[in-house]
Amino acid sequence: MMKKNFFFFKIGDHEIMNMSVKELNTLLKSMKPNDAANIKRRRRILKNKGYAASSRHRQTSLVGNLSIERNHLVKQVTKNLRKIFFLFLSNRFLNYNMIMKHYHKNYVVGNNDILISNY
C-alpha cells in the first residue's frame, strides 16, 4: 500500500486551488522538496481539470447556440424558397395568360384553320 502524504490530508484541493501563487510559494518553501513537488503536481492537475471542464461547457453551449441558429436559418430558407416557388408559379401562370390573350387577340381560330389577323 502506498503511503499518503501528510500535506494532502492537511491541505485540501479547494485550498490548493484558491491560494495565490505568492501564498503557495511561501508554503512550498517550508516543505520538503518531494512534498512541494507533489502539491505543485496536484495543483496543476486540478487546474487542468478546471480548464477542461470550462472548455467542455463552452463547447456545449456554443453547439447549442449554433444548433438553435441553424434551425432558425433553415426555417428562413424554407420560407423564402416557398415564396420564390409560389412567385415562380404565379409568374408562369401570368405569362401563360398573357400569351393566350395575345394569341386569341392576334389569331382567329376557325374550322381547323388558323387565320392570321393584324399582320
PDB file of N, CA and C in Angstrom:
ATOM      1  N   MET A   1       0.837  -1.185   0.000  1.00  0.00           N
ATOM      2  CA  MET A   1       0.000   0.000   0.000  1.00  0.00           C
ATOM      3  C   MET A   1       0.876   1.239   0.000  1.00  0.00           C
ATOM      4  N   MET A   2       0.477   2.231  -0.801  1.00  0.00           N
ATOM      5  CA  MET A   2       1.257   3.452  -0.947  1.00  0.00           C
ATOM      6  C   MET A   2       0.995   4.393   0.234  1.00  0.00           C
ATOM      7  N   LYS A   3       2.046   5.016   0.730  1.00  0.00           N
ATOM      8  CA  LYS A   3       1.904   5.967   1.832  1.00  0.00           C
ATOM      9  C   LYS A   3       1.301   7.263   1.336  1.00  0.00           C
ATOM     10  N   LYS A   4       0.349   7.799   2.079  1.00  0.00           N
ATOM     11  CA  LYS A   4      -0.252   9.082   1.732  1.00  0.00           C
ATOM     12  C   LYS A   4       0.593  10.196   2.319  1.00  0.00           C
ATOM     13  N   ASN A   5       0.677  11.277   1.586  1.00  0.00           N
ATOM     14  CA  ASN A   5       1.423  12.434   2.057  1.00  0.00           C
ATOM     15  C   ASN A   5       0.609  13.145   3.137  1.00  0.00           C
ATOM     16  N   PHE A   6       1.270  13.564   4.188  1.00  0.00           N
ATOM     17  CA  PHE A   6       0.630  14.242   5.307  1.00  0.00           C
ATOM     18  C   PHE A   6      -0.053  15.524   4.847  1.00  0.00           C
ATOM     19  N   PHE A   7       0.566  16.232   3.905  1.00  0.00           N
ATOM     20  CA  PHE A   7       0.035  17.523   3.473  1.00  0.00           C
ATOM     21  C   PHE A   7      -1.238  17.386   2.643  1.00  0.00           C
ATOM     22  N   PHE A   8      -1.434  16.249   1.994  1.00  0.00           N
ATOM     23  CA  PHE A   8      -2.674  16.069   1.247  1.00  0.00           C
ATOM     24  C   PHE A   8      -3.872  16.000   2.178  1.00  0.00           C
ATOM     25  N   PHE A   9      -3.658  15.504   3.391  1.00  0.00           N
ATOM     26  CA  PHE A   9      -4.741  15.458   4.354  1.00  0.00           C
ATOM     27  C   PHE A   9      -4.944  16.804   5.012  1.00  0.00           C
ATOM     28  N   LYS A  10      -3.849  17.531   5.200  1.00  0.00           N
ATOM     29  CA  LYS A  10      -3.932  18.812   5.876  1.00  0.00           C
ATOM     30  C   LYS A  10      -4.385  19.927   4.920  1.00  0.00           C
ATOM     31  N   ILE A  11      -3.931  19.877   3.677  1.00  0.00           N
ATOM     32  CA  ILE A  11      -4.286  20.894   2.683  1.00  0.00           C
ATOM     33  C   ILE A  11      -5.183  20.231   1.645  1.00  0.00           C
ATOM     34  N   GLY A  12      -6.401  20.691   1.558  1.00  0.00           N
ATOM     35  CA  GLY A  12      -7.359  20.114   0.615  1.00  0.00           C
ATOM     36  C   GLY A  12      -7.219  20.726  -0.770  1.00  0.00           C
ATOM     37  N   ASP A  13      -7.902  20.104  -1.715  1.00  0.00           N
ATOM     38  CA  ASP A  13      -7.859  20.572  -3.097  1.00  0.00           C
ATOM     39  C   ASP A  13      -8.398  22.000  -3.212  1.00  0.00           C
ATOM     40  N   HIS A  14      -9.440  22.280  -2.451  1.00  0.00           N
ATOM     41  CA  HIS A  14     -10.044  23.611  -2.500  1.00  0.00           C
ATOM     42  C   HIS A  14      -9.038  24.686  -2.073  1.00  0.00           C
ATOM     43  N   GLU A  15      -8.307  24.406  -1.003  1.00  0.00           N
ATOM     44  CA  GLU A  15      -7.308  25.379  -0.518  1.00  0.00           C
ATOM     45  C   GLU A  15      -6.171  25.534  -1.522  1.00  0.00           C
ATOM     46  N   ILE A  16      -5.738  24.404  -2.106  1.00  0.00           N
ATOM     47  CA  ILE A  16      -4.642  24.466  -3.091  1.00  0.00           C
ATOM     48  C   ILE A  16      -5.048  25.336  -4.279  1.00  0.00           C
ATOM     49  N   MET A  17      -6.284  25.163  -4.737  1.00  0.00           N
ATOM     50  CA  MET A  17      -6.741  25.901  -5.914  1.00  0.00           C
ATOM     51  C   MET A  17      -6.941  27.388  -5.631  1.00  0.00           C
ATOM     52  N   ASN A  18      -7.383  27.722  -4.421  1.00  0.00           N
ATOM     53  CA  ASN A  18      -7.714  29.111  -4.116  1.00  0.00           C
ATOM     54  C   ASN A  18      -6.544  29.927  -3.591  1.00  0.00           C
ATOM     55  N   MET A  19      -5.406  29.304  -3.375  1.00  0.00           N
ATOM     56  CA  MET A  19      -4.222  30.051  -2.914  1.00  0.00           C
ATOM     57  C   MET A  19      -3.655  30.881  -4.053  1.00  0.00           C
ATOM     58  N   SER A  20      -3.162  32.052  -3.694  1.00  0.00           N
ATOM     59  CA  SER A  20      -2.448  32.834  -4.708  1.00  0.00           C
ATOM     60  C   SER A  20      -1.076  32.193  -4.910  1.00  0.00           C
ATOM     61  N   VAL A  21      -0.419  32.547  -5.983  1.00  0.00           N
ATOM     62  CA  VAL A  21       0.906  31.989  -6.276  1.00  0.00           C
ATOM     63  C   VAL A  21       1.882  32.364  -5.172  1.00  0.00           C
ATOM     64  N   LYS A  22       1.767  33.589  -4.679  1.00  0.00           N
ATOM     65  CA  LYS A  22       2.663  34.052  -3.622  1.00  0.00           C
ATOM     66  C   LYS A  22       2.483  33.223  -2.346  1.00  0.00           C
ATOM     67  N   GLU A  23       1.220  32.975  -1.970  1.00  0.00           N
ATOM     68  CA  GLU A  23       0.941  32.157  -0.780  1.00  0.00           C
ATOM     69  C   GLU A  23       1.439  30.727  -0.970  1.00  0.00           C
ATOM     70  N   LEU A  24       1.227  30.189  -2.157  1.00  0.00           N
ATOM     71  CA  LEU A  24       1.650  28.826  -2.442  1.00  0.00           C
ATOM     72  C   LEU A  24       3.171  28.709  -2.365  1.00  0.00           C
ATOM     73  N   ASN A  25       3.879  29.672  -2.953  1.00  0.00           N
ATOM     74  CA  ASN A  25       5.342  29.629  -2.917  1.00  0.00           C
ATOM     75  C   ASN A  25       5.862  29.733  -1.490  1.00  0.00           C
ATOM     76  N   THR A  26       5.239  30.563  -0.687  1.00  0.00           N
ATOM     77  CA  THR A  26       5.640  30.680   0.723  1.00  0.00           C
ATOM     78  C   THR A  26       5.443  29.346   1.433  1.00  0.00           C
ATOM     79  N   LEU A  27       4.333  28.709   1.186  1.00  0.00           N
ATOM     80  CA  LEU A  27       4.048  27.411   1.798  1.00  0.00           C
ATOM     81  C   LEU A  27       5.039  26.352   1.323  1.00  0.00           C
ATOM     82  N   LEU A  28       5.320  26.363   0.028  1.00  0.00           N
ATOM     83  CA  LEU A  28       6.195  25.334  -0.546  1.00  0.00           C
ATOM     84  C   LEU A  28       7.635  25.464  -0.057  1.00  0.00           C
ATOM     85  N   LYS A  29       8.076  26.672   0.252  1.00  0.00           N
ATOM     86  CA  LYS A  29       9.443  26.877   0.749  1.00  0.00           C
ATOM     87  C   LYS A  29       9.644  26.187   2.093  1.00  0.00           C
ATOM     88  N   SER A  30       8.577  26.081   2.865  1.00  0.00           N
ATOM     89  CA  SER A  30       8.685  25.480   4.191  1.00  0.00           C
ATOM     90  C   SER A  30       8.543  23.956   4.156  1.00  0.00           C
ATOM     91  N   MET A  31       8.375  23.371   2.992  1.00  0.00           N
ATOM     92  CA  MET A  31       8.158  21.931   2.861  1.00  0.00           C
ATOM     93  C   MET A  31       9.388  21.229   2.320  1.00  0.00           C
ATOM     94  N   LYS A  32       9.342  19.916   2.432  1.00  0.00           N
ATOM     95  CA  LYS A  32      10.371  19.089   1.799  1.00  0.00           C
ATOM     96  C   LYS A  32      10.180  19.192   0.294  1.00  0.00           C
ATOM     97  N   PRO A  33      11.242  19.094  -0.487  1.00  0.00           N
ATOM     98  CA  PRO A  33      11.137  19.210  -1.952  1.00  0.00           C
ATOM     99  C   PRO A  33      10.162  18.203  -2.568  1.00  0.00           C
ATOM    100  N   ASN A  34      10.151  16.991  -2.030  1.00  0.00           N
ATOM    101  CA  ASN A  34       9.258  15.959  -2.559  1.00  0.00           C
ATOM    102  C   ASN A  34       7.795  16.327  -2.305  1.00  0.00           C
ATOM    103  N   ASP A  35       7.508  16.821  -1.104  1.00  0.00           N
ATOM    104  CA  ASP A  35       6.141  17.236  -0.772  1.00  0.00           C
ATOM    105  C   ASP A  35       5.710  18.434  -1.608  1.00  0.00           C
ATOM    106  N   ALA A  36       6.646  19.385  -1.793  1.00  0.00           N
ATOM    107  CA  ALA A  36       6.344  20.567  -2.600  1.00  0.00           C
ATOM    108  C   ALA A  36       6.023  20.165  -4.044  1.00  0.00           C
ATOM    109  N   ALA A  37       6.807  19.226  -4.575  1.00  0.00           N
ATOM    110  CA  ALA A  37       6.579  18.767  -5.951  1.00  0.00           C
ATOM    111  C   ALA A  37       5.211  18.090  -6.065  1.00  0.00           C
ATOM    112  N   ASN A  38       4.841  17.317  -5.038  1.00  0.00           N
ATOM    113  CA  ASN A  38       3.522  16.656  -5.064  1.00  0.00           C
ATOM    114  C   ASN A  38       2.388  17.672  -5.052  1.00  0.00           C
ATOM    115  N   ILE A  39       2.521  18.707  -4.240  1.00  0.00           N
ATOM    116  CA  ILE A  39       1.475  19.727  -4.171  1.00  0.00           C
ATOM    117  C   ILE A  39       1.407  20.509  -5.478  1.00  0.00           C
ATOM    118  N   LYS A  40       2.572  20.843  -6.059  1.00  0.00           N
ATOM    119  CA  LYS A  40       2.582  21.536  -7.356  1.00  0.00           C
ATOM    120  C   LYS A  40       1.904  20.685  -8.424  1.00  0.00           C
ATOM    121  N   ARG A  41       2.226  19.391  -8.428  1.00  0.00           N
ATOM    122  CA  ARG A  41       1.628  18.482  -9.408  1.00  0.00           C
ATOM    123  C   ARG A  41       0.113  18.417  -9.208  1.00  0.00           C
ATOM    124  N   ARG A  42      -0.318  18.310  -7.953  1.00  0.00           N
ATOM    125  CA  ARG A  42      -1.745  18.230  -7.662  1.00  0.00           C
ATOM    126  C   ARG A  42      -2.468  19.508  -8.116  1.00  0.00           C
ATOM    127  N   ARG A  43      -1.848  20.662  -7.856  1.00  0.00           N
ATOM    128  CA  ARG A  43      -2.457  21.933  -8.269  1.00  0.00           C
ATOM    129  C   ARG A  43      -2.565  22.021  -9.790  1.00  0.00           C
ATOM    130  N   ARG A  44      -1.518  21.585 -10.483  1.00  0.00           N
ATOM    131  CA  ARG A  44      -1.530  21.615 -11.942  1.00  0.00           C
ATOM    132  C   ARG A  44      -2.628  20.687 -12.489  1.00  0.00           C
ATOM    133  N   ILE A  45      -2.771  19.508 -11.897  1.00  0.00           N
ATOM    134  CA  ILE A  45      -3.820  18.570 -12.319  1.00  0.00           C
ATOM    135  C   ILE A  45      -5.199  19.186 -12.099  1.00  0.00           C
ATOM    136  N   LEU A  46      -5.395  19.793 -10.933  1.00  0.00           N
ATOM    137  CA  LEU A  46      -6.698  20.411 -10.638  1.00  0.00           C
ATOM    138  C   LEU A  46      -7.006  21.559 -11.591  1.00  0.00           C
ATOM    139  N   LYS A  47      -5.997  22.376 -11.880  1.00  0.00           N
ATOM    140  CA  LYS A  47      -6.210  23.486 -12.815  1.00  0.00           C
ATOM    141  C   LYS A  47      -6.551  22.957 -14.207  1.00  0.00           C
ATOM    142  N   ASN A  48      -5.831  21.915 -14.655  1.00  0.00           N
ATOM    143  CA  ASN A  48      -6.114  21.337 -15.971  1.00  0.00           C
ATOM    144  C   ASN A  48      -7.531  20.774 -16.040  1.00  0.00           C
ATOM    145  N   LYS A  49      -7.971  20.133 -14.955  1.00  0.00           N
ATOM    146  CA  LYS A  49      -9.349  19.628 -14.920  1.00  0.00           C
ATOM    147  C   LYS A  49     -10.349  20.775 -15.022  1.00  0.00           C
ATOM    148  N   GLY A  50     -10.044  21.879 -14.345  1.00  0.00           N
ATOM    149  CA  GLY A  50     -10.918  23.054 -14.414  1.00  0.00           C
ATOM    150  C   GLY A  50     -10.967  23.639 -15.811  1.00  0.00           C
ATOM    151  N   TYR A  51      -9.797  23.722 -16.458  1.00  0.00           N
ATOM    152  CA  TYR A  51      -9.754  24.248 -17.828  1.00  0.00           C
ATOM    153  C   TYR A  51     -10.534  23.332 -18.772  1.00  0.00           C
ATOM    154  N   ALA A  52     -10.378  22.021 -18.602  1.00  0.00           N
ATOM    155  CA  ALA A  52     -11.086  21.063 -19.458  1.00  0.00           C
ATOM    156  C   ALA A  52     -12.599  21.173 -19.250  1.00  0.00           C
ATOM    157  N   ALA A  53     -13.019  21.315 -18.000  1.00  0.00           N
ATOM    158  CA  ALA A  53     -14.451  21.435 -17.713  1.00  0.00           C
ATOM    159  C   ALA A  53     -15.025  22.715 -18.314  1.00  0.00           C
ATOM    160  N   SER A  54     -14.301  23.819 -18.181  1.00  0.00           N
ATOM    161  CA  SER A  54     -14.809  25.074 -18.745  1.00  0.00           C
ATOM    162  C   SER A  54     -14.830  25.017 -20.277  1.00  0.00           C
ATOM    163  N   SER A  55     -13.852  24.336 -20.856  1.00  0.00           N
ATOM    164  CA  SER A  55     -13.823  24.181 -22.309  1.00  0.00           C
ATOM    165  C   SER A  55     -15.001  23.336 -22.784  1.00  0.00           C
ATOM    166  N   ARG A  56     -15.297  22.241 -22.066  1.00  0.00           N
ATOM    167  CA  ARG A  56     -16.453  21.410 -22.422  1.00  0.00           C
ATOM    168  C   ARG A  56     -17.745  22.208 -22.306  1.00  0.00           C
ATOM    169  N   HIS A  57     -17.854  22.981 -21.236  1.00  0.00           N
ATOM    170  CA  HIS A  57     -19.055  23.796 -21.034  1.00  0.00           C
ATOM    171  C   HIS A  57     -19.211  24.823 -22.154  1.00  0.00           C
ATOM    172  N   ARG A  58     -18.112  25.493 -22.501  1.00  0.00           N
ATOM    173  CA  ARG A  58     -18.150  26.490 -23.570  1.00  0.00           C
ATOM    174  C   ARG A  58     -18.532  25.836 -24.896  1.00  0.00           C
ATOM    175  N   GLN A  59     -17.970  24.653 -25.164  1.00  0.00           N
ATOM    176  CA  GLN A  59     -18.261  23.964 -26.422  1.00  0.00           C
ATOM    177  C   GLN A  59     -19.717  23.518 -26.488  1.00  0.00           C
ATOM    178  N   THR A  60     -20.249  22.971 -25.395  1.00  0.00           N
ATOM    179  CA  THR A  60     -21.645  22.524 -25.427  1.00  0.00           C
ATOM    180  C   THR A  60     -22.597  23.705 -25.576  1.00  0.00           C
ATOM    181  N   SER A  61     -22.286  24.829 -24.922  1.00  0.00           N
ATOM    182  CA  SER A  61     -23.164  25.994 -25.083  1.00  0.00           C
ATOM    183  C   SER A  61     -23.052  26.554 -26.496  1.00  0.00           C
ATOM    184  N   LEU A  62     -21.845  26.534 -27.066  1.00  0.00           N
ATOM    185  CA  LEU A  62     -21.662  27.012 -28.436  1.00  0.00           C
ATOM    186  C   LEU A  62     -22.412  26.118 -29.417  1.00  0.00           C
ATOM    187  N   VAL A  63     -22.302  24.805 -29.231  1.00  0.00           N
ATOM    188  CA  VAL A  63     -23.004  23.864 -30.112  1.00  0.00           C
ATOM    189  C   VAL A  63     -24.516  24.066 -29.986  1.00  0.00           C
ATOM    190  N   GLY A  64     -24.990  24.268 -28.758  1.00  0.00           N
ATOM    191  CA  GLY A  64     -26.423  24.518 -28.557  1.00  0.00           C
ATOM    192  C   GLY A  64     -26.873  25.777 -29.259  1.00  0.00           C
ATOM    193  N   ASN A  65     -26.088  26.851 -29.113  1.00  0.00           N
ATOM    194  CA  ASN A  65     -26.436  28.116 -29.768  1.00  0.00           C
ATOM    195  C   ASN A  65     -26.406  27.976 -31.286  1.00  0.00           C
ATOM    196  N   LEU A  66     -25.386  27.273 -31.796  1.00  0.00           N
ATOM    197  CA  LEU A  66     -25.296  27.088 -33.242  1.00  0.00           C
ATOM    198  C   LEU A  66     -26.449  26.239 -33.763  1.00  0.00           C
ATOM    199  N   SER A  67     -26.861  25.261 -32.969  1.00  0.00           N
ATOM    200  CA  SER A  67     -27.997  24.418 -33.370  1.00  0.00           C
ATOM    201  C   SER A  67     -29.276  25.248 -33.455  1.00  0.00           C
ATOM    202  N   ILE A  68     -29.481  26.118 -32.479  1.00  0.00           N
ATOM    203  CA  ILE A  68     -30.662  26.990 -32.488  1.00  0.00           C
ATOM    204  C   ILE A  68     -30.607  27.925 -33.695  1.00  0.00           C
ATOM    205  N   GLU A  69     -29.434  28.507 -33.938  1.00  0.00           N
ATOM    206  CA  GLU A  69     -29.279  29.425 -35.072  1.00  0.00           C
ATOM    207  C   GLU A  69     -29.494  28.691 -36.400  1.00  0.00           C
ATOM    208  N   ARG A  70     -28.964  27.452 -36.501  1.00  0.00           N
ATOM    209  CA  ARG A  70     -29.131  26.658 -37.718  1.00  0.00           C
ATOM    210  C   ARG A  70     -30.609  26.389 -37.973  1.00  0.00           C
ATOM    211  N   ASN A  71     -31.346  25.982 -36.934  1.00  0.00           N
ATOM    212  CA  ASN A  71     -32.778  25.714 -37.099  1.00  0.00           C
ATOM    213  C   ASN A  71     -33.521  26.961 -37.568  1.00  0.00           C
ATOM    214  N   HIS A  72     -33.150  28.110 -37.008  1.00  0.00           N
ATOM    215  CA  HIS A  72     -33.775  29.371 -37.411  1.00  0.00           C
ATOM    216  C   HIS A  72     -33.485  29.660 -38.886  1.00  0.00           C
ATOM    217  N   LEU A  73     -32.227  29.465 -39.295  1.00  0.00           N
ATOM    218  CA  LEU A  73     -31.856  29.732 -40.686  1.00  0.00           C
ATOM    219  C   LEU A  73     -32.539  28.757 -41.641  1.00  0.00           C
ATOM    220  N   VAL A  74     -32.665  27.495 -41.233  1.00  0.00           N
ATOM    221  CA  VAL A  74     -33.344  26.512 -42.083  1.00  0.00           C
ATOM    222  C   VAL A  74     -34.803  26.921 -42.279  1.00  0.00           C
ATOM    223  N   LYS A  75     -35.451  27.381 -41.208  1.00  0.00           N
ATOM    224  CA  LYS A  75     -36.842  27.839 -41.327  1.00  0.00           C
ATOM    225  C   LYS A  75     -36.945  29.031 -42.268  1.00  0.00           C
ATOM    226  N   GLN A  76     -35.985  29.986 -42.144  1.00  0.00           N
ATOM    227  CA  GLN A  76     -35.997  31.161 -43.020  1.00  0.00           C
ATOM    228  C   GLN A  76     -35.811  30.757 -44.477  1.00  0.00           C
ATOM    229  N   VAL A  77     -34.851  29.875 -44.731  1.00  0.00           N
ATOM    230  CA  VAL A  77     -34.578  29.445 -46.106  1.00  0.00           C
ATOM    231  C   VAL A  77     -35.796  28.724 -46.677  1.00  0.00           C
ATOM    232  N   THR A  78     -36.404  27.854 -45.880  1.00  0.00           N
ATOM    233  CA  THR A  78     -37.592  27.132 -46.337  1.00  0.00           C
ATOM    234  C   THR A  78     -38.713  28.111 -46.678  1.00  0.00           C
ATOM    235  N   LYS A  79     -38.917  29.089 -45.801  1.00  0.00           N
ATOM    236  CA  LYS A  79     -39.965  30.095 -46.032  1.00  0.00           C
ATOM    237  C   LYS A  79     -39.677  30.883 -47.314  1.00  0.00           C
ATOM    238  N   ASN A  80     -38.418  31.297 -47.494  1.00  0.00           N
ATOM    239  CA  ASN A  80     -38.055  32.064 -48.694  1.00  0.00           C
ATOM    240  C   ASN A  80     -38.166  31.220 -49.960  1.00  0.00           C
ATOM    241  N   LEU A  81     -37.772  29.960 -49.885  1.00  0.00           N
ATOM    242  CA  LEU A  81     -37.904  29.088 -51.054  1.00  0.00           C
ATOM    243  C   LEU A  81     -39.375  28.893 -51.420  1.00  0.00           C
ATOM    244  N   ARG A  82     -40.207  28.762 -50.412  1.00  0.00           N
ATOM    245  CA  ARG A  82     -41.647  28.621 -50.666  1.00  0.00           C
ATOM    246  C   ARG A  82     -42.179  29.866 -51.374  1.00  0.00           C
ATOM    247  N   LYS A  83     -41.746  31.055 -50.886  1.00  0.00           N
ATOM    248  CA  LYS A  83     -42.181  32.307 -51.529  1.00  0.00           C
ATOM    249  C   LYS A  83     -41.723  32.360 -52.981  1.00  0.00           C
ATOM    250  N   ILE A  84     -40.455  32.012 -53.198  1.00  0.00           N
ATOM    251  CA  ILE A  84     -39.896  32.048 -54.554  1.00  0.00           C
ATOM    252  C   ILE A  84     -40.648  31.072 -55.454  1.00  0.00           C
ATOM    253  N   PHE A  85     -40.942  29.895 -54.940  1.00  0.00           N
ATOM    254  CA  PHE A  85     -41.656  28.894 -55.728  1.00  0.00           C
ATOM    255  C   PHE A  85     -43.038  29.399 -56.126  1.00  0.00           C
ATOM    256  N   PHE A  86     -43.768  29.980 -55.177  1.00  0.00           N
ATOM    257  CA  PHE A  86     -45.102  30.488 -55.498  1.00  0.00           C
ATOM    258  C   PHE A  86     -45.035  31.687 -56.432  1.00  0.00           C
ATOM    259  N   LEU A  87     -44.017  32.527 -56.276  1.00  0.00           N
ATOM    260  CA  LEU A  87     -43.839  33.631 -57.229  1.00  0.00           C
ATOM    261  C   LEU A  87     -43.569  33.094 -58.626  1.00  0.00           C
ATOM    262  N   PHE A  88     -42.732  32.067 -58.685  1.00  0.00           N
ATOM    263  CA  PHE A  88     -42.431  31.453 -59.978  1.00  0.00           C
ATOM    264  C   PHE A  88     -43.700  30.894 -60.614  1.00  0.00           C
ATOM    265  N   LEU A  89     -44.482  30.162 -59.806  1.00  0.00           N
ATOM    266  CA  LEU A  89     -45.722  29.596 -60.343  1.00  0.00           C
ATOM    267  C   LEU A  89     -46.693  30.684 -60.782  1.00  0.00           C
ATOM    268  N   SER A  90     -46.845  31.718 -59.986  1.00  0.00           N
ATOM    269  CA  SER A  90     -47.776  32.781 -60.354  1.00  0.00           C
ATOM    270  C   SER A  90     -47.277  33.525 -61.589  1.00  0.00           C
ATOM    271  N   ASN A  91     -45.977  33.727 -61.701  1.00  0.00           N
ATOM    272  CA  ASN A  91     -45.406  34.365 -62.894  1.00  0.00           C
ATOM    273  C   ASN A  91     -45.643  33.507 -64.127  1.00  0.00           C
ATOM    274  N   ARG A  92     -45.444  32.219 -63.952  1.00  0.00           N
ATOM    275  CA  ARG A  92     -45.673  31.304 -65.065  1.00  0.00           C
ATOM    276  C   ARG A  92     -47.129  31.360 -65.503  1.00  0.00           C
ATOM    277  N   PHE A  93     -48.017  31.392 -64.548  1.00  0.00           N
ATOM    278  CA  PHE A  93     -49.444  31.460 -64.842  1.00  0.00           C
ATOM    279  C   PHE A  93     -49.769  32.777 -65.546  1.00  0.00           C
ATOM    280  N   LEU A  94     -49.203  33.889 -65.049  1.00  0.00           N
ATOM    281  CA  LEU A  94     -49.439  35.190 -65.676  1.00  0.00           C
ATOM    282  C   LEU A  94     -48.895  35.204 -67.098  1.00  0.00           C
ATOM    283  N   ASN A  95     -47.699  34.669 -67.295  1.00  0.00           N
ATOM    284  CA  ASN A  95     -47.117  34.625 -68.639  1.00  0.00           C
ATOM    285  C   ASN A  95     -47.979  33.781 -69.569  1.00  0.00           C
ATOM    286  N   TYR A  96     -48.470  32.671 -69.074  1.00  0.00           N
ATOM    287  CA  TYR A  96     -49.340  31.817 -69.884  1.00  0.00           C
ATOM    288  C   TYR A  96     -50.604  32.577 -70.285  1.00  0.00           C
ATOM    289  N   ASN A  97     -51.191  33.276 -69.330  1.00  0.00           N
ATOM    290  CA  ASN A  97     -52.399  34.056 -69.626  1.00  0.00           C
ATOM    291  C   ASN A  97     -52.111  35.156 -70.630  1.00  0.00           C
ATOM    292  N   MET A  98     -50.966  35.818 -70.490  1.00  0.00           N
ATOM    293  CA  MET A  98     -50.604  36.885 -71.438  1.00  0.00           C
ATOM    294  C   MET A  98     -50.429  36.303 -72.836  1.00  0.00           C
ATOM    295  N   ILE A  99     -49.790  35.158 -72.923  1.00  0.00           N
ATOM    296  CA  ILE A  99     -49.575  34.524 -74.228  1.00  0.00           C
ATOM    297  C   ILE A  99     -50.920  34.137 -74.846  1.00  0.00           C
ATOM    298  N   MET A 100     -51.775  33.564 -74.028  1.00  0.00           N
ATOM    299  CA  MET A 100     -53.082  33.152 -74.548  1.00  0.00           C
ATOM    300  C   MET A 100     -53.911  34.363 -74.985  1.00  0.00           C
ATOM    301  N   LYS A 101     -53.873  35.456 -74.237  1.00  0.00           N
ATOM    302  CA  LYS A 101     -54.597  36.668 -74.642  1.00  0.00           C
ATOM    303  C   LYS A 101     -54.043  37.192 -75.950  1.00  0.00           C
ATOM    304  N   HIS A 102     -52.705  37.205 -76.033  1.00  0.00           N
ATOM    305  CA  HIS A 102     -52.070  37.669 -77.269  1.00  0.00           C
ATOM    306  C   HIS A 102     -52.473  36.761 -78.436  1.00  0.00           C
ATOM    307  N   TYR A 103     -52.473  35.476 -78.219  1.00  0.00           N
ATOM    308  CA  TYR A 103     -52.824  34.515 -79.262  1.00  0.00           C
ATOM    309  C   TYR A 103     -54.263  34.726 -79.726  1.00  0.00           C
ATOM    310  N   HIS A 104     -55.175  34.831 -78.776  1.00  0.00           N
ATOM    311  CA  HIS A 104     -56.579  34.999 -79.141  1.00  0.00           C
ATOM    312  C   HIS A 104     -56.850  36.370 -79.761  1.00  0.00           C
ATOM    313  N   LYS A 105     -56.047  37.354 -79.382  1.00  0.00           N
ATOM    314  CA  LYS A 105     -56.228  38.699 -79.935  1.00  0.00           C
ATOM    315  C   LYS A 105     -55.734  38.770 -81.373  1.00  0.00           C
ATOM    316  N   ASN A 106     -54.614  38.107 -81.649  1.00  0.00           N
ATOM    317  CA  ASN A 106     -53.980  38.246 -82.949  1.00  0.00           C
ATOM    318  C   ASN A 106     -54.310  37.131 -83.932  1.00  0.00           C
ATOM    319  N   TYR A 107     -54.845  36.049 -83.450  1.00  0.00           N
ATOM    320  CA  TYR A 107     -55.140  34.942 -84.350  1.00  0.00           C
ATOM    321  C   TYR A 107     -56.605  34.562 -84.213  1.00  0.00           C
ATOM    322  N   VAL A 108     -57.206  34.277 -85.319  1.00  0.00           N
ATOM    323  CA  VAL A 108     -58.606  33.841 -85.324  1.00  0.00           C
ATOM    324  C   VAL A 108     -58.598  32.351 -85.594  1.00  0.00           C
ATOM    325  N   VAL A 109     -59.231  31.629 -84.753  1.00  0.00           N
ATOM    326  CA  VAL A 109     -59.249  30.177 -84.915  1.00  0.00           C
ATOM    327  C   VAL A 109     -60.587  29.789 -85.519  1.00  0.00           C
ATOM    328  N   GLY A 110     -60.525  29.071 -86.643  1.00  0.00           N
ATOM    329  CA  GLY A 110     -61.745  28.629 -87.318  1.00  0.00           C
ATOM    330  C   GLY A 110     -61.758  27.119 -87.416  1.00  0.00           C
ATOM    331  N   ASN A 111     -62.445  26.625 -88.405  1.00  0.00           N
ATOM    332  CA  ASN A 111     -62.579  25.182 -88.608  1.00  0.00           C
ATOM    333  C   ASN A 111     -61.220  24.584 -88.982  1.00  0.00           C
ATOM    334  N   ASN A 112     -60.465  24.232 -87.985  1.00  0.00           N
ATOM    335  CA  ASN A 112     -59.119  23.651 -88.141  1.00  0.00           C
ATOM    336  C   ASN A 112     -58.196  24.534 -88.967  1.00  0.00           C
ATOM    337  N   ASP A 113     -58.528  25.766 -89.140  1.00  0.00           N
ATOM    338  CA  ASP A 113     -57.669  26.698 -89.860  1.00  0.00           C
ATOM    339  C   ASP A 113     -57.299  27.821 -88.903  1.00  0.00           C
ATOM    340  N   ILE A 114     -56.052  28.249 -89.018  1.00  0.00           N
ATOM    341  CA  ILE A 114     -55.615  29.399 -88.236  1.00  0.00           C
ATOM    342  C   ILE A 114     -55.432  30.536 -89.205  1.00  0.00           C
ATOM    343  N   LEU A 115     -56.187  31.599 -89.009  1.00  0.00           N
ATOM    344  CA  LEU A 115     -56.081  32.773 -89.855  1.00  0.00           C
ATOM    345  C   LEU A 115     -55.353  33.853 -89.089  1.00  0.00           C
ATOM    346  N   ILE A 116     -54.384  34.455 -89.730  1.00  0.00           N
ATOM    347  CA  ILE A 116     -53.605  35.482 -89.071  1.00  0.00           C
ATOM    348  C   ILE A 116     -54.302  36.811 -89.295  1.00  0.00           C
ATOM    349  N   SER A 117     -54.494  37.522 -88.199  1.00  0.00           N
ATOM    350  CA  SER A 117     -55.077  38.856 -88.336  1.00  0.00           C
ATOM    351  C   SER A 117     -54.056  39.873 -87.846  1.00  0.00           C
ATOM    352  N   ASN A 118     -54.206  41.065 -88.177  1.00  0.00           N
ATOM    353  CA  ASN A 118     -53.332  42.177 -87.792  1.00  0.00           C
ATOM    354  C   ASN A 118     -51.904  42.011 -88.318  1.00  0.00           C
ATOM    355  N   TYR A 119     -51.675  41.194 -89.286  1.00  0.00           N
ATOM    356  CA  TYR A 119     -50.317  41.093 -89.845  1.00  0.00           C
ATOM    357  C   TYR A 119     -50.350  41.214 -91.312  1.00  0.00           C
TER     358      TYR A 119
END
